């Protein structure tokens, strides 16, 4: 009998964890190569995981609703002839909620080579090296950094941590090799540390598994600034202050008045992306209000066109087409900022993002190569994108490599807004509600279909002139939709 273990794969690019939404098998069930055994939710999408070998389920190592790190074993399968015989026997349906170490495999279980990746049918697989986490720094390290004596006996530490602790006790600088072990931190945290001039190797991590958090970086920055502030203050005697009154402790909140919801999945990654975008890209938002009556008439005519029967024709379709025409007239808008290389990357393709509100939260899948699609193809792509998003089946690949995004806040009756850029993109266009309003048309005030567009763009890439021309071209096409032909 051989027990094979299936680890949580990286179902996206660089994802570190996923939540198990649902198990489709139980201990004792027979599984075949390619059979879906569970559904997991990453920070980007819900994904079904097929198992890459045959056998009988031996154990499920995590319950539904548990967030599991990439590389951790989630299910073990009994393979070989013994496994086939066990399929007829009844196996206790026990779910091990503890860590994978709580379910030891038999000694004869074979593991792949350390350098090899686990074979998976979805995602990028995991290598053993990628699953290791640096342990939290022991008390001796923290004491050394604080200038206090470490206890006589401390837990075992990694080699790099031992070098740092020994150097601190001897009063000498730590050797350069001590920093060779890369600190564990997410990209936004690394960016924050870089902006604040903090070396992550010197930060004491408090996150799970020794991960450096934003709070750790801020604490390190505050500690670095404190001596500089304290030095001049010490020169002047501090004024005598009356003891401050101690504020009464707030009464505990009554049960039922508040509900705490864990931040995870799509909500977690959306929050991180929006904070990262807002504090990385300098946002500028411009607005334009115009008469969209002719576009609304064209929408109605296209709905009645027998050649377009069965297609979903709506204002967003023509707005998307207008954006593509405006990009062709202003190609420098379609770009991205490469911070590492200090380069502007001009895109000769348009992956048009469509912000979609789903039960799982806001996601932004994109239509690949939207610039090359006909009106019919664009309509079909929009319909498929929206249906897939609402069903929660959007794949991580559908949300990667976007270049510019549309968000339709008008469906909620909102006039406009100031949207935040999707990270890595140059601009986002918010479409407001199209309403019947008094408007001067041919010298007379008449009721017309009026709307407002709001364009937020990255001012590093797009200056005021370019952004204004781009937004004005979109409005011009929608005000006179014949330009969809003449300008295309």
Protein backbone atom coordinates (compact mmCIF):
# COMPACT_ATOMS: atom_id res chain seq x y z
CA UNK A 1 0.00 0.00 0.00
CA UNK A 2 1.27 3.47 -0.90
CA UNK A 3 -0.08 6.76 0.43
CA UNK A 4 0.28 9.69 -1.96
CA UNK A 5 -0.25 13.24 -0.77
CA UNK A 6 -1.74 16.06 -2.80
CA UNK A 7 -0.60 19.55 -1.83
CA UNK A 8 -2.39 22.85 -2.33
CA UNK A 9 -1.07 24.11 -5.68
CA UNK A 10 -0.47 27.70 -6.72
CA UNK A 11 -3.61 28.09 -8.83
CA UNK A 12 -2.64 31.65 -9.76
CA UNK A 13 0.62 33.48 -10.28
CA UNK A 14 2.36 33.85 -6.95
CA UNK A 15 -0.65 33.21 -4.71
CA UNK A 16 0.27 32.06 -1.21
CA UNK A 17 -2.98 30.64 0.15
CA UNK A 18 -6.49 29.48 -0.74
CA UNK A 19 -9.67 28.68 1.18
CA UNK A 20 -11.28 25.27 0.80
CA UNK A 21 -14.89 26.00 -0.14
CA UNK A 22 -16.23 22.49 -0.69
CA UNK A 23 -15.07 18.88 -0.71
CA UNK A 24 -16.55 16.67 -3.43
CA UNK A 25 -15.11 13.44 -1.99
CA UNK A 26 -14.92 11.76 1.39
CA UNK A 27 -12.54 9.19 2.92
CA UNK A 28 -13.15 5.82 1.26
CA UNK A 29 -14.23 7.28 -2.08
CA UNK A 30 -12.48 6.07 -5.21
CA UNK A 31 -10.90 8.86 -7.26
CA UNK A 32 -9.46 8.81 -10.78
CA UNK A 33 -6.82 10.91 -12.50
CA UNK A 34 -8.40 14.27 -13.41
CA UNK A 35 -11.38 13.98 -11.05
CA UNK A 36 -12.32 17.20 -9.24
CA UNK A 37 -11.95 16.62 -5.50
CA UNK A 38 -12.56 20.10 -4.09
CA UNK A 39 -13.30 23.73 -4.88
CA UNK A 40 -11.03 26.42 -3.45
CA UNK A 41 -11.26 30.19 -3.39
CA UNK A 42 -8.10 32.18 -3.90
CA UNK A 43 -7.66 35.90 -3.68
CA UNK A 44 -8.64 36.04 -7.35
CA UNK A 45 -11.22 33.36 -8.15
CA UNK A 46 -12.96 30.13 -7.22
CA UNK A 47 -11.17 27.16 -8.79
CA UNK A 48 -11.95 23.44 -8.92
CA UNK A 49 -8.94 21.22 -8.15
CA UNK A 50 -8.61 17.88 -9.97
CA UNK A 51 -6.36 15.20 -8.49
CA UNK A 52 -3.52 13.93 -10.71
CA UNK A 53 -3.61 10.23 -9.81
CA UNK A 54 -5.92 7.25 -9.14
CA UNK A 55 -6.68 5.68 -5.79
CA UNK A 56 -8.89 5.69 -2.71
CA UNK A 57 -9.23 8.75 -0.48
CA UNK A 58 -7.35 8.06 2.74
CA UNK A 59 -7.93 11.35 4.61
CA UNK A 60 -9.05 14.94 4.15
CA UNK A 61 -6.64 17.06 6.14
CA UNK A 62 -8.62 20.29 6.30
CA UNK A 63 -12.26 21.12 6.83
CA UNK A 64 -14.35 23.28 4.52
CA UNK A 65 -13.85 26.98 5.23
CA UNK A 66 -10.20 26.54 6.21
CA UNK A 67 -7.55 28.77 4.63
CA UNK A 68 -4.55 26.68 3.59
CA UNK A 69 -1.08 27.84 2.55
CA UNK A 70 0.20 26.81 -0.87
CA UNK A 71 2.31 23.69 -0.48
CA UNK A 72 0.43 22.18 2.45
CA UNK A 73 -1.00 18.69 2.04
CA UNK A 74 -4.80 18.84 1.77
CA UNK A 75 -5.69 15.24 0.89
CA UNK A 76 -3.98 11.85 1.02
CA UNK A 77 -4.85 9.01 -1.35
CA UNK A 78 -4.14 5.31 -1.04
CA UNK A 79 -2.81 4.06 -4.36
CA UNK A 80 -1.83 0.66 -5.78
CA UNK A 81 -3.57 -2.74 -5.55
CA UNK A 82 -4.17 -2.33 -1.82
CA UNK A 83 -6.01 0.87 -2.54
CA UNK A 84 -8.33 -0.89 -4.96
CA UNK A 85 -9.17 -3.50 -2.32
CA UNK A 86 -9.78 -0.78 0.25
CA UNK A 87 -12.38 0.81 -2.01
CA UNK A 88 -14.80 -1.96 -1.09
CA UNK A 89 -14.22 -1.51 2.63
CA UNK A 90 -15.77 1.27 4.65
CA UNK A 91 -13.32 3.89 5.82
CA UNK A 92 -14.17 6.22 8.72
CA UNK A 93 -15.10 9.60 7.29
CA UNK A 94 -12.85 11.62 9.52
CA UNK A 95 -11.62 15.07 8.60
CA UNK A 96 -8.32 15.98 10.23
CA UNK A 97 -8.51 19.63 11.19
CA UNK A 98 -4.95 19.70 12.46
CA UNK A 99 -1.81 20.49 10.47
CA UNK A 100 -0.57 17.95 7.89
CA UNK A 101 1.95 16.68 10.45
CA UNK A 102 -0.97 15.23 12.43
CA UNK A 103 -1.58 12.70 9.62
CA UNK A 104 1.73 10.86 9.26
CA UNK A 105 2.19 8.85 6.08
CA UNK A 106 3.50 5.25 6.24
CA UNK A 107 7.23 4.77 6.02
CA UNK A 108 6.96 3.20 2.57
CA UNK A 109 5.26 6.27 1.11
CA UNK A 110 7.31 7.64 -1.71
CA UNK A 111 7.91 11.36 -2.04
CA UNK A 112 9.10 13.10 -5.22
CA UNK A 113 12.59 14.53 -5.33
CA UNK A 114 13.04 17.78 -3.41
CA UNK A 115 13.68 19.80 -6.52
CA UNK A 116 10.69 18.39 -8.43
CA UNK A 117 7.29 20.03 -8.58
CA UNK A 118 4.14 18.22 -7.55
CA UNK A 119 2.19 17.28 -10.72
CA UNK A 120 -1.05 19.24 -10.83
CA UNK A 121 -3.76 19.71 -13.41
CA UNK A 122 -4.64 23.27 -12.36
CA UNK A 123 -2.18 26.06 -11.55
CA UNK A 124 1.60 26.04 -11.31
CA UNK A 125 2.30 23.26 -8.83
CA UNK A 126 4.44 23.59 -5.75
CA UNK A 127 8.01 22.64 -5.03
CA UNK A 128 9.18 21.62 -1.59
CA UNK A 129 11.46 24.63 -1.43
CA UNK A 130 8.53 26.95 -2.02
CA UNK A 131 6.55 25.59 0.89
CA UNK A 132 9.06 26.36 3.60
CA UNK A 133 8.41 29.34 5.83
CA UNK A 134 11.02 31.05 7.92
CA UNK A 135 10.26 30.44 11.62
CA UNK A 136 9.58 33.42 13.82
CA UNK A 137 12.61 34.96 15.45
CA UNK A 138 13.24 33.55 18.88
CA UNK A 139 13.34 35.56 22.09
CA UNK A 140 17.14 35.79 21.90
CA UNK A 141 16.93 37.72 18.63
CA UNK A 142 14.37 40.15 19.95
CA UNK A 143 16.35 40.71 23.12
CA UNK A 144 19.54 41.31 21.14
CA UNK A 145 17.80 43.92 18.99
CA UNK A 146 16.43 45.62 22.07
CA UNK A 147 19.87 45.73 23.70
CA UNK A 148 18.94 43.37 26.53
CA UNK A 149 20.52 40.11 27.58
CA UNK A 150 19.10 36.99 26.03
CA UNK A 151 18.02 34.09 28.27
CA UNK A 152 20.59 31.38 28.85
CA UNK A 153 18.51 28.85 26.93
CA UNK A 154 16.74 29.81 23.72
CA UNK A 155 14.89 27.73 21.13
CA UNK A 156 16.76 26.54 18.06
CA UNK A 157 17.13 29.23 15.42
CA UNK A 158 17.99 29.25 11.73
CA UNK A 159 21.69 29.65 10.98
CA UNK A 160 21.22 33.23 9.81
CA UNK A 161 19.36 34.16 13.00
CA UNK A 162 22.09 32.57 15.14
CA UNK A 163 24.70 34.70 13.39
CA UNK A 164 22.72 37.86 14.07
CA UNK A 165 22.19 36.94 17.72
CA UNK A 166 25.86 36.03 18.24
CA UNK A 167 27.00 39.25 16.63
CA UNK A 168 24.67 41.27 18.84
CA UNK A 169 25.95 39.58 22.00
CA UNK A 170 29.58 40.19 21.01
CA UNK A 171 28.88 43.83 20.18
CA UNK A 172 29.94 43.39 16.56
CA UNK A 173 28.07 43.96 13.35
CA UNK A 174 26.31 40.99 11.86
CA UNK A 175 28.06 39.55 8.84
CA UNK A 176 26.55 40.12 5.43
CA UNK A 177 25.69 36.44 5.20
CA UNK A 178 23.10 36.90 7.92
CA UNK A 179 20.92 38.85 5.52
CA UNK A 180 21.08 36.14 2.91
CA UNK A 181 17.84 34.62 4.20
CA UNK A 182 15.19 36.70 2.48
CA UNK A 183 12.54 38.11 4.80
CA UNK A 184 9.01 36.87 4.19
CA UNK A 185 6.72 39.71 3.14
CA UNK A 186 4.08 40.39 0.54
CA UNK A 187 4.88 42.73 -2.38
CA UNK A 188 2.91 45.73 -0.99
CA UNK A 189 4.80 45.38 2.30
CA UNK A 190 8.13 45.24 0.47
CA UNK A 191 7.16 48.37 -1.46
CA UNK A 192 6.24 50.14 1.79
CA UNK A 193 9.57 49.17 3.37
CA UNK A 194 11.44 50.44 0.31
CA UNK A 195 9.57 53.76 0.37
CA UNK A 196 10.31 54.21 4.09
CA UNK A 197 13.94 53.14 3.74
CA UNK A 198 13.53 50.13 6.03
CA UNK A 199 15.62 46.99 5.56
CA UNK A 200 13.19 44.07 5.92
CA UNK A 201 16.01 41.90 7.29
CA UNK A 202 16.10 44.12 10.39
CA UNK A 203 12.34 44.00 11.05
CA UNK A 204 10.96 41.64 13.69
CA UNK A 205 8.04 39.78 12.05
CA UNK A 206 4.78 39.27 13.93
CA UNK A 207 2.70 37.69 11.17
CA UNK A 208 1.87 34.01 10.99
CA UNK A 209 4.86 31.90 9.99
CA UNK A 210 7.32 34.75 10.43
CA UNK A 211 5.76 37.02 7.78
CA UNK A 212 6.55 40.74 8.04
CA UNK A 213 3.34 42.83 8.11
CA UNK A 214 2.67 46.49 7.34
CA UNK A 215 2.42 47.16 11.07
CA UNK A 216 5.89 45.68 11.58
CA UNK A 217 7.34 48.04 8.96
CA UNK A 218 5.61 51.07 10.45
CA UNK A 219 6.86 50.09 13.91
CA UNK A 220 10.41 49.79 12.59
CA UNK A 221 10.13 53.19 10.90
CA UNK A 222 8.82 54.77 14.10
CA UNK A 223 11.65 53.23 16.09
CA UNK A 224 14.18 54.65 13.63
CA UNK A 225 12.69 58.15 13.83
CA UNK A 226 12.24 58.20 17.62
CA UNK A 227 15.96 58.70 18.52
CA UNK A 228 16.23 61.60 16.06
CA UNK A 229 13.20 63.31 17.58
CA UNK A 230 14.29 62.61 21.16
CA UNK A 231 17.80 64.06 20.77
CA UNK A 232 16.86 67.75 20.29
CA UNK A 233 14.05 67.42 22.78
CA UNK A 234 16.51 66.38 25.47
CA UNK A 235 18.32 69.73 25.26
CA UNK A 236 15.34 71.66 26.62
CA UNK A 237 13.76 70.86 29.99
CA UNK A 238 10.36 69.34 29.63
CA UNK A 239 7.52 71.48 31.03
CA UNK A 240 5.78 70.16 34.08
CA UNK A 241 2.39 68.81 33.17
CA UNK A 242 -0.49 68.01 35.41
CA UNK A 243 -1.35 64.36 35.48
CA UNK A 244 -3.91 63.65 32.83
CA UNK A 245 -7.23 62.28 33.88
CA UNK A 246 -7.61 58.66 33.04
CA UNK A 247 -10.45 58.23 30.60
CA UNK A 248 -13.06 55.78 31.76
CA UNK A 249 -12.84 52.48 30.01
CA UNK A 250 -15.44 52.09 27.33
CA UNK A 251 -18.27 49.80 28.21
CA UNK A 252 -18.21 46.49 26.38
CA UNK A 253 -20.33 46.44 23.24
CA UNK A 254 -23.68 44.80 23.65
CA UNK A 255 -24.03 41.42 22.04
CA UNK A 256 -25.62 41.56 18.63
CA UNK A 257 -24.80 45.21 17.93
CA UNK A 258 -21.74 44.41 15.83
CA UNK A 259 -20.75 41.64 13.45
CA UNK A 260 -17.13 40.93 12.57
CA UNK A 261 -16.47 39.43 9.14
CA UNK A 262 -13.03 37.94 8.40
CA UNK A 263 -11.29 39.72 5.54
CA UNK A 264 -10.28 37.05 3.05
CA UNK A 265 -10.65 35.93 -0.54
CA UNK A 266 -11.70 38.54 -3.08
CA UNK A 267 -12.37 41.19 -0.44
CA UNK A 268 -8.87 40.81 0.97
CA UNK A 269 -7.08 41.09 -2.36
CA UNK A 270 -9.34 43.96 -3.47
CA UNK A 271 -8.49 45.90 -0.32
CA UNK A 272 -4.77 45.29 -0.79
CA UNK A 273 -4.91 46.22 -4.47
CA UNK A 274 -6.85 49.43 -3.88
CA UNK A 275 -4.58 50.61 -1.07
CA UNK A 276 -1.51 49.76 -3.13
CA UNK A 277 -2.87 51.55 -6.19
CA UNK A 278 -4.05 54.65 -4.30
CA UNK A 279 -0.66 55.15 -2.64
CA UNK A 280 1.50 54.18 -5.61
CA UNK A 281 -0.01 55.74 -8.73
CA UNK A 282 -0.72 59.50 -8.61
CA UNK A 283 -4.41 59.62 -9.53
CA UNK A 284 -6.06 62.38 -11.54
CA UNK A 285 -9.79 62.30 -12.33
CA UNK A 286 -11.51 64.34 -15.05
CA UNK A 287 -15.20 64.53 -15.86
CA UNK A 288 -17.27 65.23 -18.96
CA UNK A 289 -21.05 65.55 -19.33
CA UNK A 290 -22.59 65.17 -22.79
CA UNK A 291 -25.71 64.37 -24.80
CA UNK A 292 -25.95 60.60 -25.41
CA UNK A 293 -29.36 60.67 -27.11
CA UNK A 294 -28.03 59.51 -30.49
CA UNK A 295 -26.18 56.60 -28.86
CA UNK A 296 -29.36 55.51 -27.07
CA UNK A 297 -31.26 55.62 -30.39
CA UNK A 298 -28.52 53.52 -32.01
CA UNK A 299 -28.76 50.97 -29.20
CA UNK A 300 -32.48 50.61 -29.88
CA UNK A 301 -31.90 50.23 -33.63
CA UNK A 302 -29.25 47.57 -33.11
CA UNK A 303 -31.57 45.60 -30.81
CA UNK A 304 -34.10 45.46 -33.68
CA UNK A 305 -31.50 44.49 -36.29
CA UNK A 306 -32.11 40.86 -37.35
CA UNK A 307 -28.40 40.39 -38.07
CA UNK A 308 -27.70 40.95 -34.37
CA UNK A 309 -30.54 38.80 -33.07
CA UNK A 310 -29.64 36.93 -29.90
CA UNK A 311 -26.86 39.31 -28.92
CA UNK A 312 -26.92 41.45 -25.80
CA UNK A 313 -26.99 45.05 -27.02
CA UNK A 314 -26.76 47.76 -24.37
CA UNK A 315 -25.12 51.18 -23.89
CA UNK A 316 -22.03 49.61 -22.26
CA UNK A 317 -21.28 47.77 -25.51
CA UNK A 318 -21.13 51.01 -27.51
CA UNK A 319 -19.22 52.76 -24.71
CA UNK A 320 -16.62 49.97 -24.83
CA UNK A 321 -16.39 50.38 -28.60
CA UNK A 322 -16.00 54.15 -28.20
CA UNK A 323 -13.14 53.61 -25.72
CA UNK A 324 -11.36 51.34 -28.21
CA UNK A 325 -11.71 53.98 -30.95
CA UNK A 326 -10.38 56.67 -28.58
CA UNK A 327 -7.39 54.48 -27.68
CA UNK A 328 -6.58 54.10 -31.37
CA UNK A 329 -6.55 57.90 -31.68
CA UNK A 330 -4.51 58.28 -28.46
CA UNK A 331 -2.29 55.17 -28.28
CA UNK A 332 -0.02 56.56 -25.54
CA UNK A 333 -2.91 56.13 -23.09
CA UNK A 334 -2.56 52.36 -23.36
CA UNK A 335 0.61 51.91 -21.29
CA UNK A 336 1.98 50.75 -17.95
CA UNK A 337 4.70 51.93 -15.57
CA UNK A 338 7.66 49.61 -14.89
CA UNK A 339 9.04 50.85 -11.58
CA UNK A 340 11.92 48.38 -11.45
CA UNK A 341 13.22 49.20 -14.93
CA UNK A 342 12.13 52.86 -14.81
CA UNK A 343 10.42 52.46 -18.17
CA UNK A 344 7.03 53.20 -19.70
CA UNK A 345 5.68 50.13 -21.48
CA UNK A 346 3.44 50.97 -24.44
CA UNK A 347 0.87 48.24 -25.15
CA UNK A 348 -0.03 47.47 -28.75
CA UNK A 349 -3.04 45.46 -27.64
CA UNK A 350 -6.04 46.26 -25.44
CA UNK A 351 -7.20 43.88 -22.73
CA UNK A 352 -10.33 45.75 -21.70
CA UNK A 353 -11.29 45.20 -18.06
CA UNK A 354 -14.93 45.20 -16.98
CA UNK A 355 -15.57 45.72 -13.27
CA UNK A 356 -18.17 43.16 -12.17
CA UNK A 357 -20.01 43.05 -8.85
CA UNK A 358 -20.45 39.42 -7.81
CA UNK A 359 -21.65 37.67 -4.64
CA UNK A 360 -17.95 37.07 -3.83
CA UNK A 361 -17.10 40.76 -4.21
CA UNK A 362 -15.76 43.04 -6.92
CA UNK A 363 -13.64 41.42 -9.62
CA UNK A 364 -12.21 42.84 -12.86
CA UNK A 365 -11.92 40.23 -15.62
CA UNK A 366 -10.81 41.55 -18.98
CA UNK A 367 -11.58 40.91 -22.63
CA UNK A 368 -8.36 39.80 -24.27
CA UNK A 369 -7.42 41.64 -27.48
CA UNK A 370 -10.61 43.68 -27.41
CA UNK A 371 -9.12 46.05 -29.98
CA UNK A 372 -9.31 43.33 -32.66
CA UNK A 373 -12.95 42.33 -32.08
CA UNK A 374 -15.96 43.23 -34.18
CA UNK A 375 -19.13 44.58 -32.56
CA UNK A 376 -20.64 41.08 -32.57
CA UNK A 377 -17.51 39.52 -31.03
CA UNK A 378 -17.29 42.26 -28.43
CA UNK A 379 -20.93 41.71 -27.47
CA UNK A 380 -20.39 37.94 -27.13
CA UNK A 381 -17.27 38.48 -25.03
CA UNK A 382 -19.06 40.91 -22.72
CA UNK A 383 -21.96 38.51 -22.21
CA UNK A 384 -19.66 35.56 -21.49
CA UNK A 385 -17.53 37.63 -19.11
CA UNK A 386 -20.51 38.84 -17.06
CA UNK A 387 -22.15 35.40 -16.91
CA UNK A 388 -18.93 33.70 -15.85
CA UNK A 389 -18.27 36.32 -13.18
CA UNK A 390 -21.75 36.03 -11.68
CA UNK A 391 -21.43 32.24 -11.55
CA UNK A 392 -18.14 32.63 -9.66
CA UNK A 393 -16.22 30.74 -12.36
CA UNK A 394 -13.86 33.51 -13.48
CA UNK A 395 -10.34 32.07 -13.73
CA UNK A 396 -7.22 33.91 -12.52
CA UNK A 397 -6.01 34.14 -16.14
CA UNK A 398 -9.14 36.14 -17.05
CA UNK A 399 -8.15 38.83 -14.54
CA UNK A 400 -4.50 39.20 -15.48
CA UNK A 401 -2.73 41.58 -17.86
CA UNK A 402 -5.51 44.15 -18.15
CA UNK A 403 -4.62 47.48 -19.74
CA UNK A 404 -7.66 49.72 -19.07
CA UNK A 405 -10.94 49.21 -17.19
CA UNK A 406 -14.60 50.23 -17.48
CA UNK A 407 -16.83 50.41 -14.39
CA UNK A 408 -20.54 51.03 -14.88
CA UNK A 409 -21.80 52.76 -11.74
CA UNK A 410 -24.80 54.07 -13.69
CA UNK A 411 -26.66 50.79 -13.21
CA UNK A 412 -27.08 51.83 -9.56
CA UNK A 413 -28.47 55.25 -10.51
CA UNK A 414 -25.20 56.99 -9.64
CA UNK A 415 -24.20 60.02 -11.73
CA UNK A 416 -20.43 59.56 -11.50
CA UNK A 417 -17.53 58.82 -9.18
CA UNK A 418 -13.75 58.93 -8.81
CA UNK A 419 -12.67 55.33 -9.49
CA UNK A 420 -9.33 53.92 -8.30
CA UNK A 421 -7.03 52.38 -10.88
CA UNK A 422 -6.76 48.64 -11.16
CA UNK A 423 -3.07 48.00 -10.26
CA UNK A 424 -0.80 47.93 -13.30
CA UNK A 425 -3.26 49.76 -15.55
CA UNK A 426 -3.11 53.30 -16.88
CA UNK A 427 -6.74 54.42 -16.63
CA UNK A 428 -10.25 53.52 -15.53
CA UNK A 429 -13.48 54.99 -16.91
CA UNK A 430 -16.58 55.28 -14.71
CA UNK A 431 -19.87 55.42 -16.63
CA UNK A 432 -22.68 57.31 -14.91
CA UNK A 433 -26.43 56.92 -15.21
CA UNK A 434 -28.00 58.06 -18.50
CA UNK A 435 -30.92 60.30 -17.54
CA UNK A 436 -33.47 62.48 -19.31
CA UNK A 437 -32.41 66.07 -18.56
CA UNK A 438 -32.97 69.57 -20.02
CA UNK A 439 -30.24 70.22 -22.58
CA UNK A 440 -29.59 72.92 -25.17
CA UNK A 441 -30.01 71.22 -28.56
CA UNK A 442 -29.90 73.23 -31.78
CA UNK A 443 -30.43 76.45 -29.87
CA UNK A 444 -33.42 75.24 -27.84
CA UNK A 445 -33.78 73.64 -24.44
CA UNK A 446 -35.07 70.13 -24.96
CA UNK A 447 -35.23 66.91 -22.93
CA UNK A 448 -32.21 64.80 -23.90
CA UNK A 449 -30.48 61.64 -22.67
CA UNK A 450 -27.49 63.01 -20.72
CA UNK A 451 -24.71 61.23 -18.87
CA UNK A 452 -21.36 61.93 -17.20
CA UNK A 453 -18.10 60.03 -17.65
CA UNK A 454 -15.26 60.14 -15.10
CA UNK A 455 -11.74 59.15 -16.18
CA UNK A 456 -9.11 58.43 -13.54
CA UNK A 457 -5.58 57.99 -14.87
CA UNK A 458 -2.01 57.52 -13.70
CA UNK A 459 -0.38 60.95 -13.96
CA UNK A 460 3.05 59.35 -14.34
CA UNK A 461 1.90 57.96 -17.67
CA UNK A 462 -0.78 60.37 -18.83
CA UNK A 463 -0.48 64.12 -18.57
CA UNK A 464 -3.43 66.49 -18.50
CA UNK A 465 -3.49 67.14 -22.23
CA UNK A 466 -3.45 63.49 -23.23
CA UNK A 467 -6.03 62.51 -20.61
CA UNK A 468 -8.32 65.37 -21.65
CA UNK A 469 -8.09 64.51 -25.35
CA UNK A 470 -8.77 60.85 -24.65
CA UNK A 471 -11.86 61.59 -22.53
CA UNK A 472 -13.14 64.17 -25.02
CA UNK A 473 -12.79 61.66 -27.89
CA UNK A 474 -14.85 59.07 -25.99
CA UNK A 475 -17.61 61.61 -25.43
CA UNK A 476 -17.43 62.81 -29.04
CA UNK A 477 -17.96 59.27 -30.34
CA UNK A 478 -20.93 58.69 -28.04
CA UNK A 479 -22.43 62.08 -28.88
CA UNK A 480 -22.17 61.31 -32.62
CA UNK A 481 -21.92 57.51 -32.92
CA UNK A 482 -21.29 57.69 -36.66
CA UNK A 483 -17.71 58.35 -35.59
CA UNK A 484 -17.52 54.68 -34.67
CA UNK A 485 -17.16 54.26 -38.44
CA UNK A 486 -15.46 57.48 -39.56
CA UNK A 487 -12.80 57.46 -36.83
CA UNK A 488 -12.25 53.70 -36.86
